[in-house]
Amino acid sequence: MSVEFCNRVGKRYYLKEGKTKTGKPRYFFSSNQEGKGEAVSSIPEGYEIYEHPENAQVFLRKIQPRLITDMEKQYVKKLLDSLNNTKRYIVDCKSRTLTIYESSTDSENLKSVFGSLLGNYPMRPGISADDMMPTLTKITDQHYTAVLRFTLEDKERRKFTAERFCFRGSIDDWIYVSGPDDFRNIVKKHASTLGKDEFFEQY
């Protein structure tokens, strides 16, 4: 029986083991339960399942040291949930960095488009765009883009710097915006601009 993992868009993966050219074990996830590789019944020691925020692809990777605390990650998630905009966000932590990914799909636009389709092509009575949002979100929730990140600069005093991604063709890279500053101060200052024009005015 293989280890199974269902990603955020509902696609199921199965953990398999193959061999490298030197004969060492190589672990990978496959969407085909009967495909190549031997089924792996438990996660190997020292490894963890990782779902890539950008495209929901699933990997088995070696457990990585993380300096971002669970409390800090949960604070960011709670703050993002309170934002008054129609975007969706994923929080990802690696080593000293906490990165916020933004969905490429606007939920209100999605609802509006589907509402129009329901008007043009009537379905089962009683179905509304709101009823279909969980399914629609799964379909469109595959692509996210990294937009904002906070990097730990002082482990003892929990001081962070903030960077946003610049999407100008001449740059297309992370640019510094502020810090070092206390974690909650810097997160609240910059995360609150997500989904607004002022986000792109930060330099």
N, C-alpha and C. Protein backbone atom coordinates (compact mmCIF):
# COMPACT_ATOMS: atom_id res chain seq x y z
N MET A 1 0.85 -1.20 0.00
CA MET A 1 0.00 0.00 0.00
C MET A 1 0.89 1.24 0.00
N SER A 2 0.70 2.08 -0.99
CA SER A 2 1.56 3.26 -1.14
C SER A 2 1.05 4.44 -0.31
N VAL A 3 1.97 5.28 0.15
CA VAL A 3 1.61 6.54 0.78
C VAL A 3 0.84 7.38 -0.24
N GLU A 4 -0.31 7.92 0.17
CA GLU A 4 -1.13 8.74 -0.72
C GLU A 4 -1.14 10.18 -0.22
N PHE A 5 -1.23 11.11 -1.17
CA PHE A 5 -1.34 12.52 -0.81
C PHE A 5 -2.24 13.21 -1.82
N CYS A 6 -3.21 13.97 -1.30
CA CYS A 6 -4.15 14.71 -2.16
C CYS A 6 -3.78 16.20 -2.08
N ASN A 7 -3.45 16.79 -3.23
CA ASN A 7 -3.04 18.19 -3.19
C ASN A 7 -4.24 19.13 -3.13
N ARG A 8 -3.99 20.42 -3.15
CA ARG A 8 -5.06 21.40 -2.90
C ARG A 8 -6.11 21.45 -3.99
N VAL A 9 -5.81 20.93 -5.17
CA VAL A 9 -6.81 20.94 -6.25
C VAL A 9 -7.48 19.57 -6.39
N GLY A 10 -7.23 18.69 -5.41
CA GLY A 10 -7.92 17.40 -5.38
C GLY A 10 -7.27 16.29 -6.17
N LYS A 11 -6.04 16.52 -6.66
CA LYS A 11 -5.34 15.48 -7.42
C LYS A 11 -4.60 14.56 -6.47
N ARG A 12 -4.75 13.26 -6.65
CA ARG A 12 -4.16 12.28 -5.73
C ARG A 12 -2.84 11.76 -6.27
N TYR A 13 -1.86 11.68 -5.38
CA TYR A 13 -0.52 11.20 -5.74
C TYR A 13 -0.13 10.01 -4.88
N TYR A 14 0.75 9.16 -5.43
CA TYR A 14 1.21 7.96 -4.73
C TYR A 14 2.74 7.96 -4.67
N LEU A 15 3.26 7.66 -3.50
CA LEU A 15 4.71 7.68 -3.29
C LEU A 15 5.34 6.41 -3.85
N LYS A 16 6.38 6.61 -4.69
CA LYS A 16 7.06 5.48 -5.32
C LYS A 16 8.56 5.57 -5.06
N GLU A 17 9.21 4.44 -5.23
CA GLU A 17 10.67 4.39 -5.09
C GLU A 17 11.30 3.81 -6.35
N GLY A 18 12.29 4.51 -6.85
CA GLY A 18 13.06 4.02 -7.98
C GLY A 18 14.52 3.96 -7.59
N LYS A 19 15.40 3.83 -8.57
CA LYS A 19 16.83 3.76 -8.31
C LYS A 19 17.57 4.77 -9.19
N THR A 20 18.61 5.37 -8.62
CA THR A 20 19.48 6.23 -9.42
C THR A 20 20.43 5.35 -10.22
N LYS A 21 21.25 5.96 -11.06
CA LYS A 21 22.22 5.20 -11.86
C LYS A 21 23.24 4.49 -10.99
N THR A 22 23.45 5.00 -9.78
CA THR A 22 24.41 4.37 -8.87
C THR A 22 23.74 3.37 -7.92
N GLY A 23 22.43 3.17 -8.11
CA GLY A 23 21.73 2.18 -7.30
C GLY A 23 21.13 2.70 -6.01
N LYS A 24 21.22 4.00 -5.76
CA LYS A 24 20.65 4.58 -4.55
C LYS A 24 19.15 4.79 -4.73
N PRO A 25 18.39 4.73 -3.63
CA PRO A 25 16.94 4.92 -3.74
C PRO A 25 16.60 6.35 -4.17
N ARG A 26 15.59 6.46 -5.00
CA ARG A 26 15.09 7.76 -5.45
C ARG A 26 13.58 7.77 -5.26
N TYR A 27 13.09 8.71 -4.46
CA TYR A 27 11.67 8.76 -4.14
C TYR A 27 10.97 9.82 -5.01
N PHE A 28 9.76 9.49 -5.43
CA PHE A 28 8.99 10.43 -6.24
C PHE A 28 7.50 10.12 -6.08
N PHE A 29 6.67 11.14 -6.38
CA PHE A 29 5.22 10.95 -6.37
C PHE A 29 4.72 10.80 -7.80
N SER A 30 3.78 9.89 -7.98
CA SER A 30 3.17 9.65 -9.27
C SER A 30 1.66 9.70 -9.14
N SER A 31 1.01 10.25 -10.16
CA SER A 31 -0.45 10.28 -10.16
C SER A 31 -1.03 8.94 -10.62
N ASN A 32 -0.16 8.04 -11.07
CA ASN A 32 -0.57 6.72 -11.54
C ASN A 32 -0.18 5.66 -10.51
N GLN A 33 -1.17 5.11 -9.83
CA GLN A 33 -0.91 4.15 -8.77
C GLN A 33 -0.20 2.90 -9.30
N GLU A 34 -0.47 2.54 -10.53
CA GLU A 34 0.10 1.32 -11.10
C GLU A 34 1.29 1.63 -12.01
N GLY A 35 1.79 2.84 -11.99
CA GLY A 35 2.87 3.23 -12.88
C GLY A 35 4.23 2.74 -12.42
N LYS A 36 5.27 3.37 -12.96
CA LYS A 36 6.64 2.96 -12.67
C LYS A 36 6.98 3.15 -11.20
N GLY A 37 7.94 2.33 -10.72
CA GLY A 37 8.40 2.44 -9.35
C GLY A 37 7.68 1.51 -8.40
N GLU A 38 8.34 1.24 -7.28
CA GLU A 38 7.76 0.40 -6.24
C GLU A 38 6.99 1.24 -5.24
N ALA A 39 5.84 0.75 -4.81
CA ALA A 39 5.03 1.48 -3.82
C ALA A 39 5.80 1.60 -2.51
N VAL A 40 5.70 2.77 -1.87
CA VAL A 40 6.35 3.03 -0.58
C VAL A 40 5.25 3.18 0.46
N SER A 41 5.29 2.36 1.50
CA SER A 41 4.20 2.30 2.47
C SER A 41 4.29 3.33 3.59
N SER A 42 5.46 3.94 3.76
CA SER A 42 5.60 4.97 4.80
C SER A 42 6.66 5.97 4.36
N ILE A 43 6.55 7.18 4.87
CA ILE A 43 7.50 8.23 4.50
C ILE A 43 8.87 7.88 5.11
N PRO A 44 9.91 7.81 4.31
CA PRO A 44 11.25 7.48 4.82
C PRO A 44 11.71 8.46 5.89
N GLU A 45 12.46 7.98 6.84
CA GLU A 45 12.96 8.84 7.91
C GLU A 45 13.82 9.97 7.34
N GLY A 46 13.56 11.16 7.85
CA GLY A 46 14.33 12.32 7.40
C GLY A 46 13.73 13.03 6.20
N TYR A 47 12.57 12.55 5.72
CA TYR A 47 11.93 13.16 4.56
C TYR A 47 10.57 13.73 4.94
N GLU A 48 10.05 14.60 4.09
CA GLU A 48 8.74 15.18 4.29
C GLU A 48 8.07 15.42 2.94
N ILE A 49 6.73 15.47 2.94
CA ILE A 49 5.98 15.78 1.73
C ILE A 49 5.92 17.29 1.57
N TYR A 50 6.16 17.76 0.35
CA TYR A 50 6.13 19.19 0.07
C TYR A 50 5.29 19.46 -1.18
N GLU A 51 4.30 20.33 -1.02
CA GLU A 51 3.47 20.74 -2.15
C GLU A 51 3.90 22.13 -2.59
N HIS A 52 4.34 22.24 -3.83
CA HIS A 52 4.86 23.51 -4.31
C HIS A 52 3.73 24.54 -4.40
N PRO A 53 3.91 25.71 -3.78
CA PRO A 53 2.84 26.71 -3.77
C PRO A 53 2.45 27.20 -5.16
N GLU A 54 3.39 27.27 -6.09
CA GLU A 54 3.09 27.85 -7.39
C GLU A 54 2.16 27.01 -8.24
N ASN A 55 2.37 25.68 -8.24
CA ASN A 55 1.61 24.84 -9.18
C ASN A 55 1.01 23.59 -8.56
N ALA A 56 1.09 23.44 -7.24
CA ALA A 56 0.50 22.31 -6.50
C ALA A 56 1.16 20.97 -6.81
N GLN A 57 2.33 20.98 -7.45
CA GLN A 57 3.05 19.73 -7.67
C GLN A 57 3.57 19.21 -6.33
N VAL A 58 3.64 17.89 -6.21
CA VAL A 58 3.98 17.26 -4.93
C VAL A 58 5.33 16.57 -5.03
N PHE A 59 6.16 16.77 -4.01
CA PHE A 59 7.49 16.18 -3.98
C PHE A 59 7.75 15.56 -2.61
N LEU A 60 8.70 14.64 -2.56
CA LEU A 60 9.24 14.17 -1.30
C LEU A 60 10.64 14.77 -1.18
N ARG A 61 10.89 15.50 -0.13
CA ARG A 61 12.18 16.15 0.02
C ARG A 61 12.73 15.89 1.42
N LYS A 62 14.02 16.09 1.58
CA LYS A 62 14.63 15.96 2.89
C LYS A 62 14.11 17.07 3.79
N ILE A 63 13.86 16.73 5.05
CA ILE A 63 13.36 17.72 6.00
C ILE A 63 14.37 18.86 6.10
N GLN A 64 13.89 20.08 5.94
CA GLN A 64 14.75 21.25 5.95
C GLN A 64 14.62 22.01 7.26
N PRO A 65 15.74 22.51 7.78
CA PRO A 65 15.66 23.32 9.00
C PRO A 65 14.84 24.58 8.73
N ARG A 66 14.01 24.95 9.68
CA ARG A 66 13.16 26.12 9.50
C ARG A 66 13.25 27.02 10.70
N LEU A 67 13.59 28.28 10.49
CA LEU A 67 13.75 29.22 11.58
C LEU A 67 12.50 30.06 11.81
N ILE A 68 11.53 29.94 10.89
CA ILE A 68 10.24 30.63 11.07
C ILE A 68 9.37 29.77 11.99
N THR A 69 8.83 30.36 13.04
CA THR A 69 8.04 29.60 14.00
C THR A 69 6.62 29.37 13.49
N ASP A 70 5.96 28.34 14.05
CA ASP A 70 4.56 28.07 13.69
C ASP A 70 3.67 29.25 14.06
N MET A 71 3.99 29.91 15.19
CA MET A 71 3.19 31.05 15.63
C MET A 71 3.29 32.20 14.62
N GLU A 72 4.49 32.42 14.07
CA GLU A 72 4.66 33.48 13.08
C GLU A 72 3.91 33.14 11.79
N LYS A 73 3.98 31.89 11.38
CA LYS A 73 3.27 31.48 10.17
C LYS A 73 1.76 31.63 10.35
N GLN A 74 1.25 31.23 11.50
CA GLN A 74 -0.19 31.33 11.76
C GLN A 74 -0.64 32.79 11.84
N TYR A 75 0.21 33.65 12.34
CA TYR A 75 -0.12 35.08 12.40
C TYR A 75 -0.32 35.64 10.99
N VAL A 76 0.57 35.26 10.08
CA VAL A 76 0.46 35.74 8.70
C VAL A 76 -0.80 35.19 8.05
N LYS A 77 -1.09 33.91 8.26
CA LYS A 77 -2.29 33.31 7.68
C LYS A 77 -3.55 34.03 8.18
N LYS A 78 -3.60 34.30 9.46
CA LYS A 78 -4.78 34.97 10.04
C LYS A 78 -4.92 36.38 9.46
N LEU A 79 -3.80 37.07 9.29
CA LEU A 79 -3.84 38.41 8.73
C LEU A 79 -4.33 38.39 7.28
N LEU A 80 -3.85 37.42 6.51
CA LEU A 80 -4.27 37.31 5.11
C LEU A 80 -5.76 37.01 5.00
N ASP A 81 -6.26 36.18 5.91
CA ASP A 81 -7.69 35.85 5.91
C ASP A 81 -8.56 37.07 6.19
N SER A 82 -7.99 38.05 6.88
CA SER A 82 -8.77 39.24 7.25
C SER A 82 -8.74 40.32 6.18
N LEU A 83 -7.93 40.13 5.14
CA LEU A 83 -7.83 41.15 4.10
C LEU A 83 -9.14 41.29 3.34
N ASN A 84 -9.49 42.53 3.07
CA ASN A 84 -10.75 42.81 2.36
C ASN A 84 -10.49 42.89 0.86
N ASN A 85 -10.08 41.74 0.28
CA ASN A 85 -9.95 41.68 -1.17
C ASN A 85 -10.35 40.29 -1.64
N THR A 86 -10.36 40.08 -2.94
CA THR A 86 -10.91 38.84 -3.48
C THR A 86 -9.83 37.85 -3.92
N LYS A 87 -8.58 38.12 -3.54
CA LYS A 87 -7.49 37.22 -3.89
C LYS A 87 -7.37 36.11 -2.84
N ARG A 88 -6.67 35.04 -3.22
CA ARG A 88 -6.39 33.95 -2.29
C ARG A 88 -4.88 33.83 -2.13
N TYR A 89 -4.45 33.38 -0.94
CA TYR A 89 -3.03 33.39 -0.63
C TYR A 89 -2.57 32.07 -0.02
N ILE A 90 -1.29 31.77 -0.24
CA ILE A 90 -0.64 30.62 0.37
C ILE A 90 0.62 31.13 1.06
N VAL A 91 0.89 30.62 2.25
CA VAL A 91 2.09 30.98 3.00
C VAL A 91 3.05 29.80 2.98
N ASP A 92 4.29 30.06 2.60
CA ASP A 92 5.30 29.00 2.51
C ASP A 92 6.54 29.43 3.28
N CYS A 93 7.11 28.51 4.07
CA CYS A 93 8.29 28.82 4.88
C CYS A 93 9.46 27.94 4.48
N LYS A 94 10.60 28.57 4.27
CA LYS A 94 11.84 27.85 3.98
C LYS A 94 12.97 28.53 4.73
N SER A 95 13.64 27.77 5.58
CA SER A 95 14.77 28.28 6.33
C SER A 95 14.42 29.61 7.02
N ARG A 96 15.03 30.72 6.60
CA ARG A 96 14.83 32.02 7.25
C ARG A 96 13.74 32.86 6.58
N THR A 97 13.08 32.32 5.58
CA THR A 97 12.18 33.15 4.77
C THR A 97 10.74 32.65 4.79
N LEU A 98 9.81 33.59 4.95
CA LEU A 98 8.38 33.32 4.85
C LEU A 98 7.88 34.06 3.61
N THR A 99 7.31 33.30 2.67
CA THR A 99 6.89 33.87 1.39
C THR A 99 5.38 33.76 1.22
N ILE A 100 4.77 34.82 0.73
CA ILE A 100 3.34 34.85 0.45
C ILE A 100 3.13 34.71 -1.06
N TYR A 101 2.30 33.74 -1.44
CA TYR A 101 1.96 33.51 -2.85
C TYR A 101 0.52 33.94 -3.07
N GLU A 102 0.28 34.60 -4.20
CA GLU A 102 -1.05 35.11 -4.53
C GLU A 102 -1.63 34.36 -5.72
N SER A 103 -2.92 34.02 -5.62
CA SER A 103 -3.59 33.31 -6.71
C SER A 103 -3.72 34.21 -7.93
N SER A 104 -3.62 33.60 -9.10
CA SER A 104 -3.78 34.35 -10.34
C SER A 104 -5.25 34.58 -10.68
N THR A 105 -6.15 33.99 -9.89
CA THR A 105 -7.58 34.09 -10.16
C THR A 105 -8.29 34.91 -9.10
N ASP A 106 -9.08 35.86 -9.53
CA ASP A 106 -9.89 36.69 -8.64
C ASP A 106 -11.22 35.98 -8.41
N SER A 107 -11.54 35.68 -7.16
CA SER A 107 -12.74 34.89 -6.87
C SER A 107 -14.03 35.60 -7.27
N GLU A 108 -14.07 36.94 -7.16
CA GLU A 108 -15.28 37.67 -7.53
C GLU A 108 -15.48 37.65 -9.05
N ASN A 109 -14.39 37.79 -9.80
CA ASN A 109 -14.50 37.71 -11.26
C ASN A 109 -14.92 36.31 -11.68
N LEU A 110 -14.37 35.32 -11.00
CA LEU A 110 -14.73 33.93 -11.30
C LEU A 110 -16.21 33.70 -11.05
N LYS A 111 -16.70 34.22 -9.94
CA LYS A 111 -18.12 34.06 -9.60
C LYS A 111 -19.00 34.77 -10.62
N SER A 112 -18.55 35.95 -11.05
CA SER A 112 -19.33 36.72 -12.02
C SER A 112 -19.41 36.00 -13.36
N VAL A 113 -18.26 35.47 -13.81
CA VAL A 113 -18.23 34.75 -15.09
C VAL A 113 -19.12 33.51 -15.02
N PHE A 114 -19.03 32.77 -13.93
CA PHE A 114 -19.83 31.56 -13.82
C PHE A 114 -21.31 31.90 -13.70
N GLY A 115 -21.61 33.03 -13.01
CA GLY A 115 -23.00 33.45 -12.91
C GLY A 115 -23.59 33.75 -14.27
N SER A 116 -22.78 34.36 -15.15
CA SER A 116 -23.24 34.64 -16.51
C SER A 116 -23.48 33.36 -17.28
N LEU A 117 -22.60 32.38 -17.08
CA LEU A 117 -22.75 31.10 -17.76
C LEU A 117 -24.02 30.39 -17.31
N LEU A 118 -24.32 30.49 -16.02
CA LEU A 118 -25.54 29.87 -15.51
C LEU A 118 -26.77 30.52 -16.14
N GLY A 119 -26.66 31.86 -16.38
CA GLY A 119 -27.79 32.54 -16.99
C GLY A 119 -28.00 32.14 -18.44
N ASN A 120 -26.88 31.90 -19.14
CA ASN A 120 -26.97 31.52 -20.55
C ASN A 120 -27.27 30.04 -20.75
N TYR A 121 -26.77 29.23 -19.80
CA TYR A 121 -26.95 27.78 -19.93
C TYR A 121 -27.51 27.25 -18.60
N PRO A 122 -28.80 27.37 -18.40
CA PRO A 122 -29.41 26.96 -17.13
C PRO A 122 -29.06 25.52 -16.76
N MET A 123 -28.76 25.33 -15.48
CA MET A 123 -28.44 23.99 -14.98
C MET A 123 -29.54 23.56 -14.02
N ARG A 124 -29.21 22.67 -13.15
CA ARG A 124 -30.19 22.16 -12.20
C ARG A 124 -30.75 23.30 -11.35
N PRO A 125 -32.06 23.39 -11.17
CA PRO A 125 -32.66 24.48 -10.39
C PRO A 125 -32.04 24.59 -9.01
N GLY A 126 -31.80 25.80 -8.59
CA GLY A 126 -31.27 26.03 -7.25
C GLY A 126 -29.77 26.16 -7.19
N ILE A 127 -29.05 25.85 -8.27
CA ILE A 127 -27.60 25.97 -8.27
C ILE A 127 -27.21 27.42 -8.51
N SER A 128 -26.33 27.94 -7.70
CA SER A 128 -25.86 29.31 -7.85
C SER A 128 -24.34 29.31 -7.98
N ALA A 129 -23.79 30.48 -8.35
CA ALA A 129 -22.33 30.60 -8.45
C ALA A 129 -21.68 30.34 -7.09
N ASP A 130 -22.35 30.78 -6.01
CA ASP A 130 -21.80 30.54 -4.67
C ASP A 130 -21.70 29.05 -4.38
N ASP A 131 -22.71 28.28 -4.81
CA ASP A 131 -22.71 26.83 -4.58
C ASP A 131 -21.53 26.16 -5.28
N MET A 132 -21.16 26.71 -6.43
CA MET A 132 -20.11 26.09 -7.24
C MET A 132 -18.71 26.59 -6.91
N MET A 133 -18.57 27.58 -6.04
CA MET A 133 -17.26 28.17 -5.78
C MET A 133 -16.22 27.18 -5.28
N PRO A 134 -16.55 26.24 -4.36
CA PRO A 134 -15.51 25.27 -3.94
C PRO A 134 -14.95 24.47 -5.12
N THR A 135 -15.84 24.04 -6.02
CA THR A 135 -15.39 23.28 -7.19
C THR A 135 -14.60 24.17 -8.14
N LEU A 136 -15.09 25.39 -8.38
CA LEU A 136 -14.40 26.31 -9.27
C LEU A 136 -13.03 26.68 -8.74
N THR A 137 -12.94 26.85 -7.42
CA THR A 137 -11.66 27.19 -6.81
C THR A 137 -10.64 26.09 -7.03
N LYS A 138 -11.07 24.83 -6.89
CA LYS A 138 -10.16 23.72 -7.12
C LYS A 138 -9.64 23.71 -8.55
N ILE A 139 -10.53 24.00 -9.49
CA ILE A 139 -10.16 23.98 -10.90
C ILE A 139 -9.15 25.07 -11.21
N THR A 140 -9.34 26.26 -10.64
CA THR A 140 -8.52 27.42 -10.99
C THR A 140 -7.42 27.70 -9.99
N ASP A 141 -7.32 26.91 -8.92
CA ASP A 141 -6.40 27.21 -7.83
C ASP A 141 -5.02 26.59 -8.03
N GLN A 142 -4.64 26.31 -9.23
CA GLN A 142 -3.38 25.64 -9.47
C GLN A 142 -2.20 26.61 -9.54
N HIS A 143 -2.43 27.83 -9.96
CA HIS A 143 -1.31 28.73 -10.23
C HIS A 143 -1.28 29.92 -9.27
N TYR A 144 -0.20 29.98 -8.52
CA TYR A 144 0.05 31.08 -7.60
C TYR A 144 1.41 31.69 -7.92
N THR A 145 1.59 32.95 -7.55
CA THR A 145 2.84 33.65 -7.80
C THR A 145 3.36 34.25 -6.50
N ALA A 146 4.66 34.10 -6.25
CA ALA A 146 5.28 34.70 -5.07
C ALA A 146 5.26 36.21 -5.22
N VAL A 147 4.71 36.92 -4.22
CA VAL A 147 4.59 38.37 -4.35
C VAL A 147 5.26 39.14 -3.20
N LEU A 148 5.37 38.51 -2.04
CA LEU A 148 5.89 39.21 -0.88
C LEU A 148 6.62 38.22 0.03
N ARG A 149 7.77 38.63 0.55
CA ARG A 149 8.48 37.73 1.45
C ARG A 149 9.16 38.48 2.57
N PHE A 150 9.29 37.79 3.69
CA PHE A 150 9.91 38.34 4.89
C PHE A 150 11.06 37.42 5.29
N THR A 151 12.24 38.01 5.49
CA THR A 151 13.44 37.24 5.79
C THR A 151 13.95 37.58 7.18
N LEU A 152 14.19 36.55 7.98
CA LEU A 152 14.69 36.72 9.35
C LEU A 152 16.14 37.18 9.31
N GLU A 153 16.41 38.35 9.90
CA GLU A 153 17.76 38.89 9.93
C GLU A 153 18.39 38.79 11.31
N ASP A 154 17.57 38.78 12.35
CA ASP A 154 18.06 38.70 13.73
C ASP A 154 17.23 37.65 14.46
N LYS A 155 17.81 36.48 14.66
CA LYS A 155 17.08 35.35 15.25
C LYS A 155 16.64 35.63 16.67
N GLU A 156 17.48 36.29 17.46
CA GLU A 156 17.16 36.51 18.87
C GLU A 156 16.08 37.56 19.05
N ARG A 157 16.17 38.65 18.32
CA ARG A 157 15.21 39.75 18.48
C ARG A 157 14.06 39.66 17.48
N ARG A 158 14.08 38.64 16.62
CA ARG A 158 13.03 38.39 15.62
C ARG A 158 12.80 39.63 14.75
N LYS A 159 13.88 40.10 14.17
CA LYS A 159 13.82 41.22 13.24
C LYS A 159 13.84 40.69 11.81
N PHE A 160 12.95 41.24 10.98
CA PHE A 160 12.80 40.78 9.61
C PHE A 160 12.93 41.94 8.62
N THR A 161 13.36 41.61 7.40
CA THR A 161 13.29 42.56 6.28
C THR A 161 12.15 42.12 5.36
N ALA A 162 11.63 43.06 4.59
CA ALA A 162 10.54 42.77 3.66
C ALA A 162 10.98 43.05 2.23
N GLU A 163 10.56 42.18 1.32
CA GLU A 163 10.80 42.36 -0.11
C GLU A 163 9.51 42.05 -0.86
N ARG A 164 9.30 42.74 -1.95
CA ARG A 164 8.19 42.40 -2.83
C ARG A 164 8.76 42.05 -4.20
N PHE A 165 8.00 41.25 -4.95
CA PHE A 165 8.48 40.88 -6.27
C PHE A 165 8.10 41.97 -7.25
N CYS A 166 9.07 42.39 -8.07
CA CYS A 166 8.82 43.42 -9.07
C CYS A 166 8.60 42.75 -10.42
N PHE A 167 7.45 43.00 -11.02
CA PHE A 167 7.07 42.32 -12.25
C PHE A 167 7.39 43.12 -13.51
N ARG A 168 8.19 44.16 -13.38
CA ARG A 168 8.61 44.91 -14.57
C ARG A 168 9.55 44.04 -15.39
N GLY A 169 9.36 44.07 -16.69
CA GLY A 169 10.17 43.22 -17.57
C GLY A 169 11.65 43.46 -17.42
N SER A 170 12.05 44.69 -17.09
CA SER A 170 13.47 45.01 -16.97
C SER A 170 14.07 44.53 -15.65
N ILE A 171 13.19 44.11 -14.71
CA ILE A 171 13.69 43.68 -13.40
C ILE A 171 13.31 42.23 -13.11
N ASP A 172 12.01 41.97 -12.95
CA ASP A 172 11.53 40.62 -12.63
C ASP A 172 12.37 39.96 -11.54
N ASP A 173 12.41 40.60 -10.40
CA ASP A 173 13.20 40.08 -9.29
C ASP A 173 12.69 40.68 -7.99
N TRP A 174 13.21 40.15 -6.87
CA TRP A 174 12.84 40.68 -5.57
C TRP A 174 13.52 42.02 -5.33
N ILE A 175 12.75 42.97 -4.75
CA ILE A 175 13.32 44.26 -4.39
C ILE A 175 13.04 44.54 -2.92
N TYR A 176 14.03 45.10 -2.25
CA TYR A 176 13.92 45.45 -0.83
C TYR A 176 12.91 46.58 -0.65
N VAL A 177 12.06 46.45 0.41
CA VAL A 177 11.11 47.54 0.68
C VAL A 177 11.25 48.13 2.08
N SER A 178 11.63 47.31 3.09
CA SER A 178 11.83 47.89 4.42
C SER A 178 12.46 46.89 5.38
N GLY A 179 12.84 47.40 6.55
CA GLY A 179 13.39 46.58 7.61
C GLY A 179 14.89 46.75 7.76
N PRO A 180 15.44 46.08 8.76
CA PRO A 180 14.79 45.12 9.67
C PRO A 180 13.83 45.80 10.65
N ASP A 181 12.79 45.05 11.01
CA ASP A 181 11.79 45.54 11.94
C ASP A 181 11.16 44.34 12.65
N ASP A 182 10.42 44.63 13.74
CA ASP A 182 9.73 43.56 14.46
C ASP A 182 8.78 42.82 13.52
N PHE A 183 8.66 41.52 13.71
CA PHE A 183 7.91 40.67 12.80
C PHE A 183 6.49 41.16 12.56
N ARG A 184 5.73 41.36 13.63
CA ARG A 184 4.33 41.75 13.45
C ARG A 184 4.19 43.12 12.81
N ASN A 185 5.06 44.03 13.17
CA ASN A 185 5.00 45.37 12.58
C ASN A 185 5.21 45.33 11.08
N ILE A 186 6.24 44.62 10.65
CA ILE A 186 6.60 44.64 9.24
C ILE A 186 5.61 43.83 8.40
N VAL A 187 5.09 42.74 8.97
CA VAL A 187 4.10 41.94 8.25
C VAL A 187 2.80 42.72 8.08
N LYS A 188 2.33 43.33 9.16
CA LYS A 188 1.08 44.09 9.09
C LYS A 188 1.20 45.26 8.12
N LYS A 189 2.36 45.92 8.11
CA LYS A 189 2.58 47.08 7.26
C LYS A 189 2.49 46.72 5.78
N HIS A 190 3.09 45.61 5.39
CA HIS A 190 3.20 45.28 3.97
C HIS A 190 2.13 44.28 3.49
N ALA A 191 1.76 43.33 4.31
CA ALA A 191 0.74 42.37 3.89
C ALA A 191 -0.61 43.05 3.70
N SER A 192 -0.84 44.12 4.44
CA SER A 192 -2.12 44.83 4.33
C SER A 192 -2.27 45.53 2.98
N THR A 193 -1.17 45.67 2.22
CA THR A 193 -1.25 46.33 0.92
C THR A 193 -1.55 45.35 -0.22
N LEU A 194 -1.57 44.06 0.08
CA LEU A 194 -1.82 43.06 -0.96
C LEU A 194 -3.20 43.27 -1.60
N GLY A 195 -3.25 43.14 -2.90
CA GLY A 195 -4.51 43.34 -3.62
C GLY A 195 -4.86 44.79 -3.85
N LYS A 196 -3.94 45.71 -3.47
CA LYS A 196 -4.19 47.15 -3.64
C LYS A 196 -3.10 47.76 -4.52
N ASP A 197 -3.41 48.92 -5.10
CA ASP A 197 -2.44 49.62 -5.94
C ASP A 197 -1.18 49.99 -5.16
N GLU A 198 -1.35 50.31 -3.87
CA GLU A 198 -0.21 50.77 -3.08
C GLU A 198 0.86 49.68 -2.91
N PHE A 199 0.47 48.42 -3.12
CA PHE A 199 1.46 47.34 -3.04
C PHE A 199 2.59 47.58 -4.04
N PHE A 200 2.24 48.05 -5.23
CA PHE A 200 3.23 48.26 -6.29
C PHE A 200 3.97 49.57 -6.15
N GLU A 201 3.56 50.39 -5.18
CA GLU A 201 4.23 51.66 -4.95
C GLU A 201 5.32 51.55 -3.90
N GLN A 202 5.52 50.36 -3.34
CA GLN A 202 6.52 50.16 -2.30
C GLN A 202 7.90 49.96 -2.91
N TYR A 203 8.85 50.80 -2.46
CA TYR A 203 10.23 50.67 -2.92
C TYR A 203 11.15 50.75 -1.72
